[in-house]
Amino acid sequence: MFIELKTELMAKEEPGGEEIADPEAVEPVVADMRLLAQEAFVVLTLNVKHQLIRRHLVTLGILDKVQIHAREVFRPAILDNAHHIILVHNHPSGDPERHHQQTERPRWN
């Protein structure tokens, strides 16, 4: 089950290019992330009309943290020739409060 779900999350091309015009439209696209036992970071790439091009799993972390770097975030956007991106990550604990690491400024080295 885990391997199947991970494979689906990696690069999920969404047929029909549904429009994502507001935050509420993002939730159905990433709803399956609720099933993950560890944190994940996903990039949704969109075209100029805010239609979904593809969903990319950038990194899969551990229970309470995920490590990301700018090159992994922007690579799928460039390859998809995206006009917009949406960044998404989950909280497997179900607690939407920010971790102390999320309040610190990221360093892009």
Protein backbone atom coordinates (compact mmCIF):
# COMPACT_ATOMS: atom_id res chain seq x y z
CA MET A 1 0.00 0.00 0.00
CA PHE A 2 2.74 2.48 0.98
CA ILE A 3 4.77 1.89 -2.19
CA GLU A 4 1.67 2.26 -4.37
CA LEU A 5 0.68 5.50 -2.65
CA LYS A 6 4.25 6.86 -2.82
CA THR A 7 4.43 6.07 -6.53
CA GLU A 8 1.12 7.84 -7.12
CA LEU A 9 2.33 10.90 -5.20
CA MET A 10 5.62 11.24 -7.06
CA ALA A 11 4.39 12.70 -10.32
CA LYS A 12 0.68 12.59 -10.68
CA GLU A 13 -0.52 14.09 -13.92
CA GLU A 14 -4.03 15.37 -13.52
CA PRO A 15 -6.19 14.76 -16.58
CA GLY A 16 -8.37 17.62 -17.71
CA GLY A 17 -6.31 20.31 -15.99
CA GLU A 18 -8.82 21.29 -13.33
CA GLU A 19 -8.78 24.96 -12.37
CA ILE A 20 -7.35 25.86 -8.98
CA ALA A 21 -8.49 29.41 -8.39
CA ASP A 22 -8.68 29.46 -4.58
CA PRO A 23 -7.31 27.56 -1.54
CA GLU A 24 -10.42 25.41 -1.25
CA ALA A 25 -9.74 23.96 -4.71
CA VAL A 26 -6.34 22.65 -3.59
CA GLU A 27 -7.67 20.27 -0.91
CA PRO A 28 -9.26 17.68 -3.23
CA VAL A 29 -6.05 17.49 -5.29
CA VAL A 30 -3.92 16.64 -2.25
CA ALA A 31 -6.49 14.89 -0.02
CA ASP A 32 -4.63 11.57 -0.21
CA MET A 33 -1.70 13.15 1.64
CA ARG A 34 -3.78 12.67 4.80
CA LEU A 35 -3.05 8.94 4.56
CA LEU A 36 0.71 9.40 4.85
CA ALA A 37 2.47 8.51 8.10
CA GLN A 38 5.25 11.04 7.49
CA GLU A 39 5.50 14.60 6.28
CA ALA A 40 5.60 15.18 2.53
CA PHE A 41 6.24 18.26 0.41
CA VAL A 42 4.38 18.58 -2.88
CA VAL A 43 4.55 21.12 -5.71
CA LEU A 44 1.48 21.68 -7.85
CA THR A 45 2.31 23.22 -11.20
CA LEU A 46 -0.31 25.32 -12.97
CA ASN A 47 -0.62 26.96 -16.36
CA VAL A 48 -1.53 30.59 -17.07
CA LYS A 49 -5.25 29.76 -16.63
CA HIS A 50 -4.63 28.30 -13.15
CA GLN A 51 -5.22 24.80 -14.50
CA LEU A 52 -3.30 21.97 -12.89
CA ILE A 53 -0.49 20.63 -15.05
CA ARG A 54 0.95 18.09 -12.65
CA ARG A 55 1.50 17.23 -9.01
CA HIS A 56 5.07 16.46 -7.93
CA LEU A 57 6.27 14.86 -4.71
CA VAL A 58 9.41 16.86 -3.97
CA THR A 59 10.44 15.05 -0.82
CA LEU A 60 9.13 12.59 1.73
CA GLY A 61 10.31 13.21 5.28
CA ILE A 62 9.83 11.57 8.64
CA LEU A 63 7.05 11.83 11.20
CA ASP A 64 7.61 15.45 12.18
CA LYS A 65 9.86 17.07 9.58
CA VAL A 66 10.69 17.23 5.93
CA GLN A 67 13.83 18.70 4.37
CA ILE A 68 13.52 20.77 1.21
CA HIS A 69 15.79 22.82 -0.99
CA ALA A 70 14.93 25.50 -3.53
CA ARG A 71 16.33 23.51 -6.47
CA GLU A 72 13.91 20.63 -5.77
CA VAL A 73 11.01 23.05 -5.41
CA PHE A 74 11.57 24.95 -8.64
CA ARG A 75 12.85 22.13 -10.88
CA PRO A 76 9.35 20.69 -11.59
CA ALA A 77 7.97 24.17 -12.23
CA ILE A 78 10.66 24.88 -14.81
CA LEU A 79 10.36 21.46 -16.46
CA ASP A 80 6.56 21.80 -16.68
CA ASN A 81 6.89 25.38 -18.00
CA ALA A 82 4.53 26.38 -15.19
CA HIS A 83 3.16 29.88 -14.83
CA HIS A 84 2.16 29.35 -11.17
CA ILE A 85 3.09 26.93 -8.41
CA ILE A 86 1.39 25.92 -5.18
CA LEU A 87 3.46 24.45 -2.36
CA VAL A 88 1.80 21.94 -0.06
CA HIS A 89 2.91 19.90 2.91
CA ASN A 90 1.04 17.80 5.42
CA HIS A 91 1.05 17.31 9.20
CA PRO A 92 0.61 13.57 9.90
CA SER A 93 -0.11 14.36 13.56
CA GLY A 94 -3.25 16.20 12.48
CA ASP A 95 -2.11 19.27 14.42
CA PRO A 96 -2.11 22.24 12.00
CA GLU A 97 -0.06 24.43 14.37
CA ARG A 98 3.33 25.44 13.03
CA HIS A 99 6.37 23.60 14.24
CA HIS A 100 9.08 25.84 15.70
CA GLN A 101 11.18 25.05 12.60
CA GLN A 102 8.48 26.56 10.38
CA THR A 103 8.67 29.90 12.14
CA GLU A 104 12.38 30.24 11.45
CA ARG A 105 13.47 31.80 8.17
CA PRO A 106 14.61 29.24 5.64
CA ARG A 107 18.19 29.51 4.47
CA TRP A 108 18.63 28.83 0.77
CA ASN A 109 22.31 27.87 0.59
